[in-house]
Amino acid sequence: MRAALLWLAIVGLAIVAFVHYGNRLPQLKRLAGSQSSKETTSTESKDTDPAAAAVQGSGKIVSVVSPLEQWMDGRKSEEPPEDITPHKPSASDLIAPSPVGTGGVILHKTFSVATAVNFPFEIPAHAATPQLRGHYQSFIHQSGTPAADDSTNVAFLVMNEEQYADLVSRRPADALFSVDASHNQDINFSLPASQNQPAKFYLVFRNSPGEGKKIVQADFTVEF
């Protein structure tokens, strides 16, 4: 009796299982077909998408740049790079322009000389080849008529500041340039070049001791 009941229970469970799974089978088949269709569609989409193919073919990482980043990059490219290199002064920054081609009159006068008369003048800084040019005549008045001969001669000298200081102090003094005493003399002399500072010179006219006063007419210019 127990064996018969057990057998009936097993058969009943088998029938219930068969009925249950029999009803679920069409639904499982539909789910499997839908999943297969989605996978097929996804594969075809990947195969036919040009953008995806281009990315896969290039093998490169593609970065997305926002409009704000593009605008900022454009502003950076338009701005010139800042020059932070320190400026080093060149020789042209330290040397003033040369006064070449300039010059002027330094003496145009008639004067009397009893013992000595001087006329100072300066040449500017950076004068490479200063040139002194001029002429003088000396004479005396005899009965209201100018007379010029060896008795009216005067000496002429060109001195720098140191030499002139020795002359004034009655010390032995040299001269940059001198001529024998004359009453009619042309002068053409190259002065020393000046450096970073102007240079001062003196034109000196000297009368012989014990002689009377002389009249001198002089015209001198200097060119740089």
N, C-alpha and C. Protein backbone atom coordinates (compact mmCIF):
# COMPACT_ATOMS: atom_id res chain seq x y z
N MET A 1 0.83 -1.19 0.00
CA MET A 1 0.00 0.00 0.00
C MET A 1 0.86 1.24 0.00
N ARG A 2 1.87 1.27 0.87
CA ARG A 2 2.79 2.42 0.90
C ARG A 2 3.54 2.58 -0.41
N ALA A 3 3.93 1.47 -0.99
CA ALA A 3 4.65 1.55 -2.28
C ALA A 3 3.77 2.13 -3.34
N ALA A 4 2.49 1.81 -3.32
CA ALA A 4 1.57 2.35 -4.33
C ALA A 4 1.39 3.82 -4.16
N LEU A 5 1.29 4.28 -2.89
CA LEU A 5 1.13 5.71 -2.64
C LEU A 5 2.38 6.49 -3.06
N LEU A 6 3.55 5.94 -2.78
CA LEU A 6 4.79 6.59 -3.19
C LEU A 6 4.87 6.73 -4.69
N TRP A 7 4.49 5.67 -5.35
CA TRP A 7 4.53 5.71 -6.83
C TRP A 7 3.59 6.74 -7.38
N LEU A 8 2.40 6.80 -6.81
CA LEU A 8 1.43 7.81 -7.27
C LEU A 8 1.95 9.23 -7.04
N ALA A 9 2.67 9.46 -5.93
CA ALA A 9 3.22 10.79 -5.64
C ALA A 9 4.27 11.17 -6.67
N ILE A 10 5.13 10.19 -7.02
CA ILE A 10 6.19 10.48 -8.00
C ILE A 10 5.59 10.83 -9.35
N VAL A 11 4.59 10.02 -9.74
CA VAL A 11 3.95 10.27 -11.06
C VAL A 11 3.29 11.63 -11.05
N GLY A 12 2.65 11.99 -9.92
CA GLY A 12 1.99 13.30 -9.85
C GLY A 12 2.96 14.45 -9.99
N LEU A 13 4.09 14.34 -9.27
CA LEU A 13 5.12 15.40 -9.39
C LEU A 13 5.65 15.52 -10.80
N ALA A 14 5.85 14.40 -11.49
CA ALA A 14 6.35 14.43 -12.87
C ALA A 14 5.38 15.13 -13.78
N ILE A 15 4.07 14.83 -13.56
CA ILE A 15 3.07 15.49 -14.41
C ILE A 15 3.05 16.99 -14.18
N VAL A 16 3.12 17.38 -12.91
CA VAL A 16 3.12 18.84 -12.60
C VAL A 16 4.32 19.53 -13.22
N ALA A 17 5.51 18.90 -13.12
CA ALA A 17 6.73 19.50 -13.69
C ALA A 17 6.62 19.62 -15.20
N PHE A 18 6.06 18.55 -15.83
CA PHE A 18 5.93 18.56 -17.28
C PHE A 18 5.00 19.68 -17.73
N VAL A 19 3.91 19.83 -17.02
CA VAL A 19 2.94 20.88 -17.40
C VAL A 19 3.55 22.26 -17.21
N HIS A 20 4.26 22.45 -16.07
CA HIS A 20 4.83 23.77 -15.78
C HIS A 20 5.86 24.19 -16.83
N TYR A 21 6.82 23.30 -17.09
CA TYR A 21 7.85 23.64 -18.07
C TYR A 21 7.34 23.67 -19.48
N GLY A 22 6.29 22.91 -19.75
CA GLY A 22 5.69 22.97 -21.08
C GLY A 22 5.08 24.34 -21.34
N ASN A 23 4.47 24.93 -20.33
CA ASN A 23 3.91 26.28 -20.50
C ASN A 23 5.01 27.35 -20.62
N ARG A 24 6.16 27.19 -20.00
CA ARG A 24 7.26 28.17 -20.02
C ARG A 24 8.14 28.09 -21.25
N LEU A 25 8.08 26.98 -21.98
CA LEU A 25 8.99 26.78 -23.10
C LEU A 25 8.82 27.81 -24.19
N PRO A 26 7.62 28.15 -24.68
CA PRO A 26 7.49 29.19 -25.74
C PRO A 26 8.04 30.53 -25.29
N GLN A 27 7.80 30.88 -24.01
CA GLN A 27 8.28 32.18 -23.51
C GLN A 27 9.81 32.21 -23.50
N LEU A 28 10.47 31.11 -23.10
CA LEU A 28 11.93 31.06 -23.10
C LEU A 28 12.48 31.17 -24.51
N LYS A 29 11.78 30.53 -25.46
CA LYS A 29 12.25 30.62 -26.85
C LYS A 29 12.17 32.05 -27.37
N ARG A 30 11.07 32.78 -26.98
CA ARG A 30 10.93 34.16 -27.44
C ARG A 30 12.03 35.04 -26.82
N LEU A 31 12.35 34.84 -25.52
CA LEU A 31 13.41 35.62 -24.89
C LEU A 31 14.77 35.36 -25.53
N ALA A 32 15.02 34.08 -25.85
CA ALA A 32 16.30 33.74 -26.49
C ALA A 32 16.41 34.38 -27.85
N GLY A 33 15.28 34.37 -28.63
CA GLY A 33 15.31 34.99 -29.96
C GLY A 33 15.51 36.49 -29.87
N SER A 34 14.91 37.16 -28.91
CA SER A 34 15.05 38.61 -28.75
C SER A 34 16.49 38.98 -28.39
N GLN A 35 17.11 38.23 -27.48
CA GLN A 35 18.50 38.50 -27.09
C GLN A 35 19.45 38.33 -28.27
N SER A 36 19.20 37.27 -29.07
CA SER A 36 20.04 37.02 -30.25
C SER A 36 19.90 38.14 -31.25
N SER A 37 18.68 38.69 -31.40
CA SER A 37 18.45 39.79 -32.35
C SER A 37 19.18 41.05 -31.91
N LYS A 38 19.16 41.33 -30.59
CA LYS A 38 19.87 42.51 -30.09
C LYS A 38 21.36 42.41 -30.32
N GLU A 39 21.92 41.24 -30.08
CA GLU A 39 23.36 41.08 -30.29
C GLU A 39 23.73 41.25 -31.75
N THR A 40 22.89 40.71 -32.63
CA THR A 40 23.16 40.85 -34.08
C THR A 40 23.11 42.30 -34.48
N THR A 41 22.07 43.02 -33.99
CA THR A 41 21.95 44.44 -34.33
C THR A 41 23.14 45.24 -33.82
N SER A 42 23.60 44.96 -32.59
CA SER A 42 24.75 45.68 -32.02
C SER A 42 26.01 45.43 -32.82
N THR A 43 26.21 44.17 -33.27
CA THR A 43 27.40 43.85 -34.08
C THR A 43 27.38 44.57 -35.40
N GLU A 44 26.20 44.60 -36.05
CA GLU A 44 26.10 45.28 -37.35
C GLU A 44 26.31 46.78 -37.19
N SER A 45 25.82 47.35 -36.09
CA SER A 45 26.00 48.79 -35.86
C SER A 45 27.47 49.14 -35.72
N LYS A 46 28.20 48.30 -35.00
CA LYS A 46 29.64 48.55 -34.84
C LYS A 46 30.37 48.43 -36.16
N ASP A 47 29.94 47.48 -36.99
CA ASP A 47 30.63 47.26 -38.26
C ASP A 47 30.36 48.38 -39.25
N THR A 48 29.20 49.02 -39.15
CA THR A 48 28.81 49.99 -40.17
C THR A 48 28.98 51.43 -39.69
N ASP A 49 29.36 51.73 -38.43
CA ASP A 49 29.51 53.10 -37.94
C ASP A 49 30.87 53.65 -38.37
N PRO A 50 30.92 54.68 -39.27
CA PRO A 50 32.22 55.21 -39.76
C PRO A 50 33.06 55.80 -38.65
N ALA A 51 32.39 56.51 -37.70
CA ALA A 51 33.17 57.16 -36.64
C ALA A 51 33.87 56.13 -35.78
N ALA A 52 33.09 55.04 -35.44
CA ALA A 52 33.68 53.99 -34.63
C ALA A 52 34.81 53.30 -35.37
N ALA A 53 34.61 53.09 -36.67
CA ALA A 53 35.66 52.43 -37.47
C ALA A 53 36.90 53.29 -37.53
N ALA A 54 36.69 54.64 -37.66
CA ALA A 54 37.85 55.53 -37.74
C ALA A 54 38.63 55.52 -36.44
N VAL A 55 37.89 55.53 -35.31
CA VAL A 55 38.57 55.51 -34.02
C VAL A 55 39.33 54.22 -33.82
N GLN A 56 38.67 53.07 -34.17
CA GLN A 56 39.33 51.78 -33.99
C GLN A 56 40.52 51.64 -34.93
N GLY A 57 40.40 52.20 -36.16
CA GLY A 57 41.50 52.05 -37.13
C GLY A 57 42.69 52.92 -36.77
N SER A 58 42.44 54.10 -36.16
CA SER A 58 43.56 54.99 -35.87
C SER A 58 44.40 54.49 -34.71
N GLY A 59 43.79 53.81 -33.79
CA GLY A 59 44.53 53.30 -32.64
C GLY A 59 44.94 54.40 -31.68
N LYS A 60 44.35 55.65 -31.80
CA LYS A 60 44.70 56.78 -30.97
C LYS A 60 43.57 57.11 -30.02
N ILE A 61 43.94 57.76 -28.91
CA ILE A 61 42.95 58.19 -27.94
C ILE A 61 42.42 59.55 -28.38
N VAL A 62 41.14 59.68 -28.52
CA VAL A 62 40.52 60.92 -28.96
C VAL A 62 40.05 61.68 -27.75
N SER A 63 40.54 62.96 -27.61
CA SER A 63 40.12 63.79 -26.49
C SER A 63 39.10 64.80 -26.97
N VAL A 64 38.15 65.09 -26.12
CA VAL A 64 37.09 66.03 -26.44
C VAL A 64 37.43 67.37 -25.80
N VAL A 65 37.49 68.44 -26.61
CA VAL A 65 37.84 69.78 -26.14
C VAL A 65 36.59 70.63 -26.14
N SER A 66 36.33 71.27 -25.04
CA SER A 66 35.13 72.10 -24.92
C SER A 66 35.34 73.43 -25.63
N PRO A 67 34.28 74.14 -26.00
CA PRO A 67 34.42 75.48 -26.63
C PRO A 67 35.20 76.45 -25.76
N LEU A 68 35.03 76.41 -24.42
CA LEU A 68 35.76 77.31 -23.55
C LEU A 68 37.26 77.07 -23.63
N GLU A 69 37.65 75.77 -23.66
CA GLU A 69 39.07 75.45 -23.76
C GLU A 69 39.64 75.90 -25.10
N GLN A 70 38.85 75.75 -26.18
CA GLN A 70 39.31 76.21 -27.50
C GLN A 70 39.51 77.72 -27.50
N TRP A 71 38.59 78.46 -26.87
CA TRP A 71 38.72 79.92 -26.84
C TRP A 71 39.95 80.35 -26.04
N MET A 72 40.18 79.67 -24.92
CA MET A 72 41.34 79.99 -24.10
C MET A 72 42.63 79.71 -24.84
N ASP A 73 42.69 78.58 -25.58
CA ASP A 73 43.89 78.26 -26.37
C ASP A 73 44.12 79.32 -27.43
N GLY A 74 43.05 79.82 -28.05
CA GLY A 74 43.19 80.86 -29.07
C GLY A 74 43.73 82.15 -28.49
N ARG A 75 43.27 82.53 -27.29
CA ARG A 75 43.77 83.73 -26.65
C ARG A 75 45.25 83.61 -26.32
N LYS A 76 45.66 82.40 -25.87
CA LYS A 76 47.07 82.19 -25.53
C LYS A 76 47.95 82.31 -26.77
N SER A 77 47.49 81.80 -27.91
CA SER A 77 48.30 81.85 -29.13
C SER A 77 48.41 83.26 -29.67
N GLU A 78 47.40 84.13 -29.40
CA GLU A 78 47.46 85.50 -29.90
C GLU A 78 48.38 86.37 -29.07
N GLU A 79 48.55 86.07 -27.79
CA GLU A 79 49.37 86.88 -26.93
C GLU A 79 50.84 86.56 -27.17
N PRO A 80 51.70 87.62 -27.44
CA PRO A 80 53.12 87.36 -27.65
C PRO A 80 53.78 86.89 -26.37
N PRO A 81 54.80 86.05 -26.47
CA PRO A 81 55.49 85.58 -25.26
C PRO A 81 56.20 86.73 -24.56
N GLU A 82 56.20 86.69 -23.28
CA GLU A 82 56.83 87.74 -22.48
C GLU A 82 58.34 87.60 -22.52
N ASP A 83 59.02 88.73 -22.84
CA ASP A 83 60.48 88.72 -22.91
C ASP A 83 61.03 89.04 -21.53
N ILE A 84 61.65 88.07 -20.91
CA ILE A 84 62.21 88.27 -19.56
C ILE A 84 63.72 88.28 -19.59
N THR A 85 64.30 88.37 -20.79
CA THR A 85 65.76 88.40 -20.90
C THR A 85 66.28 89.74 -20.44
N PRO A 86 67.18 89.81 -19.47
CA PRO A 86 67.68 91.11 -19.00
C PRO A 86 68.48 91.82 -20.09
N HIS A 87 68.31 93.14 -20.17
CA HIS A 87 69.01 93.93 -21.19
C HIS A 87 70.44 94.20 -20.74
N LYS A 88 71.38 93.91 -21.61
CA LYS A 88 72.78 94.18 -21.34
C LYS A 88 73.21 95.38 -22.17
N PRO A 89 73.75 96.45 -21.54
CA PRO A 89 74.15 97.63 -22.31
C PRO A 89 75.26 97.29 -23.29
N SER A 90 75.12 97.78 -24.51
CA SER A 90 76.14 97.58 -25.53
C SER A 90 77.04 98.80 -25.59
N ALA A 91 78.05 98.69 -26.43
CA ALA A 91 78.98 99.81 -26.56
C ALA A 91 78.28 101.06 -27.06
N SER A 92 77.29 100.89 -27.94
CA SER A 92 76.57 102.04 -28.48
C SER A 92 75.74 102.75 -27.42
N ASP A 93 75.38 102.05 -26.29
CA ASP A 93 74.65 102.67 -25.20
C ASP A 93 75.55 103.56 -24.35
N LEU A 94 76.84 103.30 -24.39
CA LEU A 94 77.77 104.00 -23.51
C LEU A 94 78.54 105.11 -24.21
N ILE A 95 78.58 105.13 -25.54
CA ILE A 95 79.35 106.11 -26.29
C ILE A 95 78.42 107.09 -26.95
N ALA A 96 78.64 108.37 -26.71
CA ALA A 96 77.80 109.40 -27.32
C ALA A 96 78.14 109.55 -28.79
N PRO A 97 77.22 110.08 -29.61
CA PRO A 97 77.50 110.27 -31.03
C PRO A 97 78.69 111.18 -31.25
N SER A 98 79.51 110.86 -32.23
CA SER A 98 80.68 111.68 -32.55
C SER A 98 80.23 112.97 -33.22
N PRO A 99 80.87 114.12 -32.86
CA PRO A 99 80.50 115.39 -33.48
C PRO A 99 81.15 115.61 -34.84
N VAL A 100 81.48 114.55 -35.55
CA VAL A 100 82.15 114.66 -36.85
C VAL A 100 81.29 115.50 -37.79
N GLY A 101 81.96 116.41 -38.50
CA GLY A 101 81.26 117.26 -39.46
C GLY A 101 80.76 118.56 -38.88
N THR A 102 81.05 118.81 -37.59
CA THR A 102 80.62 120.05 -36.97
C THR A 102 81.84 120.91 -36.69
N GLY A 103 81.62 122.09 -36.16
CA GLY A 103 82.71 123.01 -35.84
C GLY A 103 82.18 124.42 -35.77
N GLY A 104 83.10 125.38 -35.72
CA GLY A 104 82.67 126.77 -35.64
C GLY A 104 83.84 127.70 -35.44
N VAL A 105 83.50 128.98 -35.40
CA VAL A 105 84.49 130.03 -35.21
C VAL A 105 84.83 130.12 -33.72
N ILE A 106 86.10 130.14 -33.40
CA ILE A 106 86.52 130.30 -32.00
C ILE A 106 87.18 131.66 -31.76
N LEU A 107 87.60 132.34 -32.80
CA LEU A 107 88.20 133.66 -32.62
C LEU A 107 88.06 134.46 -33.91
N HIS A 108 87.48 135.64 -33.79
CA HIS A 108 87.37 136.59 -34.91
C HIS A 108 87.41 137.98 -34.29
N LYS A 109 88.65 138.51 -34.17
CA LYS A 109 88.79 139.70 -33.33
C LYS A 109 90.09 140.45 -33.65
N THR A 110 90.09 141.75 -33.39
CA THR A 110 91.30 142.58 -33.42
C THR A 110 91.57 143.06 -32.00
N PHE A 111 92.78 142.85 -31.50
CA PHE A 111 93.09 143.14 -30.10
C PHE A 111 94.56 143.57 -29.99
N SER A 112 94.89 144.10 -28.84
CA SER A 112 96.26 144.55 -28.60
C SER A 112 96.97 143.59 -27.66
N VAL A 113 98.28 143.45 -27.85
CA VAL A 113 99.08 142.53 -27.03
C VAL A 113 100.25 143.32 -26.44
N ALA A 114 100.26 143.45 -25.11
CA ALA A 114 101.38 144.09 -24.44
C ALA A 114 102.41 143.03 -24.03
N THR A 115 101.98 142.01 -23.29
CA THR A 115 102.86 140.91 -22.90
C THR A 115 102.33 139.59 -23.47
N ALA A 116 101.09 139.21 -23.08
CA ALA A 116 100.49 137.98 -23.58
C ALA A 116 98.97 138.07 -23.47
N VAL A 117 98.30 137.46 -24.42
CA VAL A 117 96.84 137.39 -24.43
C VAL A 117 96.45 135.95 -24.77
N ASN A 118 95.45 135.43 -24.05
CA ASN A 118 95.02 134.06 -24.33
C ASN A 118 93.53 134.05 -24.64
N PHE A 119 93.15 133.03 -25.42
CA PHE A 119 91.75 132.83 -25.78
C PHE A 119 91.43 131.33 -25.61
N PRO A 120 90.68 130.99 -24.56
CA PRO A 120 90.34 129.57 -24.35
C PRO A 120 89.21 129.13 -25.28
N PHE A 121 89.20 127.84 -25.60
CA PHE A 121 88.11 127.23 -26.36
C PHE A 121 88.03 125.75 -26.01
N GLU A 122 86.90 125.13 -26.29
CA GLU A 122 86.69 123.72 -25.98
C GLU A 122 86.31 122.95 -27.24
N ILE A 123 86.67 121.67 -27.24
CA ILE A 123 86.15 120.75 -28.25
C ILE A 123 85.28 119.73 -27.51
N PRO A 124 84.22 119.26 -28.12
CA PRO A 124 83.29 118.35 -27.41
C PRO A 124 83.88 116.96 -27.22
N ALA A 125 83.23 116.20 -26.36
CA ALA A 125 83.65 114.81 -26.15
C ALA A 125 83.51 114.00 -27.43
N HIS A 126 84.35 112.99 -27.56
CA HIS A 126 84.31 112.04 -28.68
C HIS A 126 84.64 112.68 -30.03
N ALA A 127 85.39 113.78 -30.01
CA ALA A 127 85.87 114.39 -31.26
C ALA A 127 87.14 113.65 -31.67
N ALA A 128 87.06 112.89 -32.76
CA ALA A 128 88.17 112.01 -33.13
C ALA A 128 89.31 112.77 -33.81
N THR A 129 89.00 113.72 -34.69
CA THR A 129 90.05 114.42 -35.46
C THR A 129 89.79 115.93 -35.48
N PRO A 130 89.85 116.60 -34.34
CA PRO A 130 89.63 118.05 -34.34
C PRO A 130 90.78 118.77 -35.06
N GLN A 131 90.42 119.74 -35.88
CA GLN A 131 91.41 120.46 -36.70
C GLN A 131 91.29 121.95 -36.45
N LEU A 132 92.42 122.57 -36.10
CA LEU A 132 92.48 124.02 -35.88
C LEU A 132 93.03 124.69 -37.13
N ARG A 133 92.30 125.67 -37.63
CA ARG A 133 92.73 126.43 -38.81
C ARG A 133 92.55 127.92 -38.54
N GLY A 134 93.49 128.70 -39.04
CA GLY A 134 93.34 130.14 -38.84
C GLY A 134 94.47 130.95 -39.46
N HIS A 135 94.40 132.26 -39.21
CA HIS A 135 95.39 133.20 -39.74
C HIS A 135 95.43 134.41 -38.80
N TYR A 136 96.62 134.96 -38.62
CA TYR A 136 96.71 136.20 -37.86
C TYR A 136 97.76 137.13 -38.49
N GLN A 137 97.55 138.41 -38.25
CA GLN A 137 98.48 139.46 -38.66
C GLN A 137 98.72 140.38 -37.46
N SER A 138 99.95 140.88 -37.36
CA SER A 138 100.27 141.82 -36.28
C SER A 138 100.94 143.06 -36.87
N PHE A 139 100.68 144.19 -36.25
CA PHE A 139 101.21 145.45 -36.76
C PHE A 139 101.20 146.47 -35.64
N ILE A 140 101.77 147.65 -35.93
CA ILE A 140 101.74 148.77 -34.99
C ILE A 140 101.26 150.00 -35.76
N HIS A 141 100.89 151.01 -35.02
CA HIS A 141 100.45 152.25 -35.64
C HIS A 141 101.59 153.26 -35.57
N GLN A 142 101.96 153.80 -36.73
CA GLN A 142 102.97 154.85 -36.81
C GLN A 142 102.32 156.06 -37.50
N SER A 143 102.15 157.07 -36.73
CA SER A 143 101.53 158.29 -37.24
C SER A 143 100.17 157.98 -37.85
N GLY A 144 99.43 157.06 -37.19
CA GLY A 144 98.08 156.73 -37.65
C GLY A 144 98.04 155.77 -38.80
N THR A 145 99.20 155.25 -39.28
CA THR A 145 99.22 154.31 -40.40
C THR A 145 99.71 152.95 -39.91
N PRO A 146 98.95 151.84 -40.16
CA PRO A 146 99.42 150.52 -39.73
C PRO A 146 100.71 150.14 -40.44
N ALA A 147 101.65 149.61 -39.69
CA ALA A 147 102.91 149.15 -40.25
C ALA A 147 103.14 147.72 -39.79
N ALA A 148 103.60 146.88 -40.71
CA ALA A 148 103.82 145.47 -40.39
C ALA A 148 105.16 145.06 -40.95
N ASP A 149 106.07 144.69 -40.05
CA ASP A 149 107.38 144.16 -40.42
C ASP A 149 107.85 143.28 -39.27
N ASP A 150 109.12 142.88 -39.33
CA ASP A 150 109.61 141.98 -38.28
C ASP A 150 109.57 142.62 -36.90
N SER A 151 109.56 143.93 -36.84
CA SER A 151 109.50 144.60 -35.54
C SER A 151 108.12 144.47 -34.89
N THR A 152 107.14 143.98 -35.66
CA THR A 152 105.78 143.83 -35.12
C THR A 152 105.43 142.35 -34.88
N ASN A 153 106.42 141.48 -34.94
CA ASN A 153 106.17 140.05 -34.77
C ASN A 153 105.63 139.72 -33.37
N VAL A 154 104.76 138.71 -33.32
CA VAL A 154 104.28 138.12 -32.05
C VAL A 154 104.38 136.60 -32.18
N ALA A 155 104.57 135.94 -31.04
CA ALA A 155 104.63 134.47 -31.02
C ALA A 155 103.22 133.91 -30.83
N PHE A 156 103.04 132.72 -31.34
CA PHE A 156 101.73 132.06 -31.24
C PHE A 156 101.92 130.64 -30.72
N LEU A 157 101.07 130.23 -29.73
CA LEU A 157 101.15 128.91 -29.13
C LEU A 157 99.75 128.34 -28.94
N VAL A 158 99.66 126.99 -28.98
CA VAL A 158 98.43 126.26 -28.62
C VAL A 158 98.78 125.38 -27.43
N MET A 159 98.02 125.54 -26.31
CA MET A 159 98.31 124.81 -25.08
C MET A 159 97.07 124.09 -24.56
N ASN A 160 97.32 122.99 -23.83
CA ASN A 160 96.22 122.37 -23.09
C ASN A 160 96.14 122.99 -21.71
N GLU A 161 95.23 122.51 -20.86
CA GLU A 161 95.01 123.13 -19.55
C GLU A 161 96.24 123.02 -18.65
N GLU A 162 96.89 121.86 -18.64
CA GLU A 162 98.05 121.68 -17.78
C GLU A 162 99.20 122.59 -18.19
N GLN A 163 99.43 122.67 -19.50
CA GLN A 163 100.52 123.53 -19.99
C GLN A 163 100.24 125.00 -19.71
N TYR A 164 98.98 125.39 -19.86
CA TYR A 164 98.65 126.79 -19.60
C TYR A 164 98.79 127.12 -18.11
N ALA A 165 98.44 126.17 -17.24
CA ALA A 165 98.60 126.38 -15.81
C ALA A 165 100.08 126.59 -15.46
N ASP A 166 100.99 125.85 -16.09
CA ASP A 166 102.43 126.05 -15.87
C ASP A 166 102.85 127.43 -16.33
N LEU A 167 102.31 127.89 -17.46
CA LEU A 167 102.67 129.20 -17.99
C LEU A 167 102.24 130.31 -17.04
N VAL A 168 101.01 130.21 -16.54
CA VAL A 168 100.49 131.23 -15.63
C VAL A 168 101.29 131.24 -14.33
N SER A 169 101.76 130.07 -13.89
CA SER A 169 102.53 129.95 -12.64
C SER A 169 104.00 130.27 -12.84
N ARG A 170 104.35 130.69 -14.04
CA ARG A 170 105.74 131.05 -14.39
C ARG A 170 106.68 129.86 -14.25
N ARG A 171 106.14 128.66 -14.45
CA ARG A 171 106.98 127.47 -14.50
C ARG A 171 107.31 127.17 -15.96
N PRO A 172 108.40 126.43 -16.21
CA PRO A 172 108.71 126.06 -17.60
C PRO A 172 107.51 125.35 -18.23
N ALA A 173 107.10 125.79 -19.37
CA ALA A 173 105.87 125.27 -19.98
C ALA A 173 106.15 124.84 -21.41
N ASP A 174 105.60 123.68 -21.74
CA ASP A 174 105.64 123.21 -23.12
C ASP A 174 104.38 123.69 -23.84
N ALA A 175 104.27 123.36 -25.12
CA ALA A 175 103.10 123.72 -25.91
C ALA A 175 102.80 122.60 -26.88
N LEU A 176 101.52 122.41 -27.17
CA LEU A 176 101.14 121.43 -28.18
C LEU A 176 101.62 121.86 -29.56
N PHE A 177 101.61 123.18 -29.79
CA PHE A 177 101.97 123.71 -31.10
C PHE A 177 102.47 125.14 -30.92
N SER A 178 103.50 125.50 -31.66
CA SER A 178 104.02 126.87 -31.62
C SER A 178 104.67 127.20 -32.96
N VAL A 179 104.74 128.49 -33.28
CA VAL A 179 105.43 128.94 -34.50
C VAL A 179 106.39 130.05 -34.11
N ASP A 180 107.39 130.23 -34.95
CA ASP A 180 108.30 131.35 -34.70
C ASP A 180 107.53 132.66 -34.78
N ALA A 181 108.00 133.63 -34.02
CA ALA A 181 107.33 134.93 -34.00
C ALA A 181 107.17 135.44 -35.43
N SER A 182 105.99 135.89 -35.73
CA SER A 182 105.69 136.33 -37.09
C SER A 182 104.63 137.43 -37.04
N HIS A 183 104.57 138.23 -38.13
CA HIS A 183 103.53 139.25 -38.23
C HIS A 183 102.48 138.88 -39.28
N ASN A 184 102.66 137.68 -39.90
CA ASN A 184 101.68 137.23 -40.91
C ASN A 184 101.80 135.70 -41.00
N GLN A 185 100.85 135.01 -40.40
CA GLN A 185 101.03 133.56 -40.25
C GLN A 185 99.72 132.81 -40.47
N ASP A 186 99.80 131.70 -41.26
CA ASP A 186 98.68 130.76 -41.41
C ASP A 186 98.90 129.58 -40.46
N ILE A 187 97.81 129.10 -39.89
CA ILE A 187 97.88 128.00 -38.91
C ILE A 187 96.97 126.87 -39.38
N ASN A 188 97.53 125.65 -39.34
CA ASN A 188 96.73 124.44 -39.62
C ASN A 188 97.30 123.32 -38.75
N PHE A 189 96.56 122.96 -37.70
CA PHE A 189 97.09 122.04 -36.69
C PHE A 189 96.01 121.06 -36.26
N SER A 190 96.41 119.77 -36.13
CA SER A 190 95.50 118.71 -35.67
C SER A 190 95.58 118.62 -34.16
N LEU A 191 94.46 118.92 -33.49
CA LEU A 191 94.40 118.84 -32.04
C LEU A 191 94.27 117.40 -31.58
N PRO A 192 94.65 117.09 -30.35
CA PRO A 192 94.45 115.72 -29.83
C PRO A 192 92.96 115.38 -29.75
N ALA A 193 92.66 114.12 -30.00
CA ALA A 193 91.26 113.68 -29.91
C ALA A 193 90.80 113.74 -28.46
N SER A 194 89.54 114.11 -28.29
CA SER A 194 88.96 114.12 -26.94
C SER A 194 88.41 112.73 -26.63
N GLN A 195 88.25 112.43 -25.34
CA GLN A 195 87.75 111.12 -24.92
C GLN A 195 86.29 111.26 -24.50
N ASN A 196 85.97 110.81 -23.30
CA ASN A 196 84.58 110.86 -22.83
C ASN A 196 84.18 112.21 -22.27
N GLN A 197 85.13 113.16 -22.18
CA GLN A 197 84.85 114.48 -21.64
C GLN A 197 85.33 115.54 -22.63
N PRO A 198 84.69 116.72 -22.63
CA PRO A 198 85.21 117.82 -23.47
C PRO A 198 86.64 118.17 -23.08
N ALA A 199 87.38 118.71 -24.01
CA ALA A 199 88.78 119.08 -23.77
C ALA A 199 88.94 120.59 -24.00
N LYS A 200 89.69 121.23 -23.12
CA LYS A 200 89.88 122.67 -23.18
C LYS A 200 91.29 123.00 -23.65
N PHE A 201 91.39 124.00 -24.53
CA PHE A 201 92.69 124.44 -25.07
C PHE A 201 92.75 125.97 -25.04
N TYR A 202 93.97 126.48 -25.29
CA TYR A 202 94.19 127.93 -25.25
C TYR A 202 95.00 128.35 -26.48
N LEU A 203 94.55 129.44 -27.10
CA LEU A 203 95.37 130.15 -28.10
C LEU A 203 96.10 131.27 -27.36
N VAL A 204 97.41 131.29 -27.46
CA VAL A 204 98.21 132.27 -26.71
C VAL A 204 99.03 133.10 -27.71
N PHE A 205 98.93 134.43 -27.60
CA PHE A 205 99.73 135.37 -28.39
C PHE A 205 100.66 136.10 -27.42
N ARG A 206 101.97 136.05 -27.72
CA ARG A 206 102.95 136.63 -26.79
C ARG A 206 103.80 137.67 -27.51
N ASN A 207 104.00 138.75 -26.81
CA ASN A 207 104.86 139.83 -27.32
C ASN A 207 106.25 139.70 -26.69
N SER A 208 107.27 140.08 -27.44
CA SER A 208 108.63 140.01 -26.89
C SER A 208 108.79 141.04 -25.76
N PRO A 209 109.50 140.65 -24.68
CA PRO A 209 109.69 141.59 -23.56
C PRO A 209 110.42 142.86 -24.01
N GLY A 210 110.00 143.99 -23.49
CA GLY A 210 110.65 145.26 -23.80
C GLY A 210 110.16 145.90 -25.07
N GLU A 211 109.34 145.23 -25.86
CA GLU A 211 108.82 145.82 -27.08
C GLU A 211 107.46 146.47 -26.80
N GLY A 212 107.12 147.40 -27.67
CA GLY A 212 105.87 148.10 -27.47
C GLY A 212 104.66 147.23 -27.80
N LYS A 213 103.53 147.79 -27.49
CA LYS A 213 102.27 147.07 -27.70
C LYS A 213 102.06 146.80 -29.18
N LYS A 214 101.55 145.62 -29.49
CA LYS A 214 101.26 145.22 -30.87
C LYS A 214 99.74 145.09 -31.06
N ILE A 215 99.31 145.27 -32.29
CA ILE A 215 97.91 145.06 -32.65
C ILE A 215 97.82 143.77 -33.46
N VAL A 216 96.91 142.91 -33.08
CA VAL A 216 96.77 141.61 -33.75
C VAL A 216 95.34 141.48 -34.27
N GLN A 217 95.26 141.08 -35.50
CA GLN A 217 93.95 140.73 -36.11
C GLN A 217 93.97 139.23 -36.39
N ALA A 218 93.02 138.48 -35.77
CA ALA A 218 93.06 137.01 -35.83
C ALA A 218 91.69 136.44 -36.19
N ASP A 219 91.75 135.37 -36.99
CA ASP A 219 90.54 134.62 -37.36
C ASP A 219 90.88 133.13 -37.27
N PHE A 220 90.14 132.40 -36.39
CA PHE A 220 90.41 130.98 -36.20
C PHE A 220 89.09 130.20 -36.13
N THR A 221 89.14 129.02 -36.67
CA THR A 221 88.01 128.09 -36.59
C THR A 221 88.54 126.73 -36.17
N VAL A 222 87.61 125.88 -35.69
CA VAL A 222 87.95 124.50 -35.36
C VAL A 222 86.89 123.58 -35.98
N GLU A 223 87.33 122.48 -36.55
CA GLU A 223 86.44 121.50 -37.16
C GLU A 223 86.68 120.15 -36.53
N PHE A 224 85.60 119.35 -36.42
CA PHE A 224 85.72 118.04 -35.75
C PHE A 224 85.55 116.90 -36.75
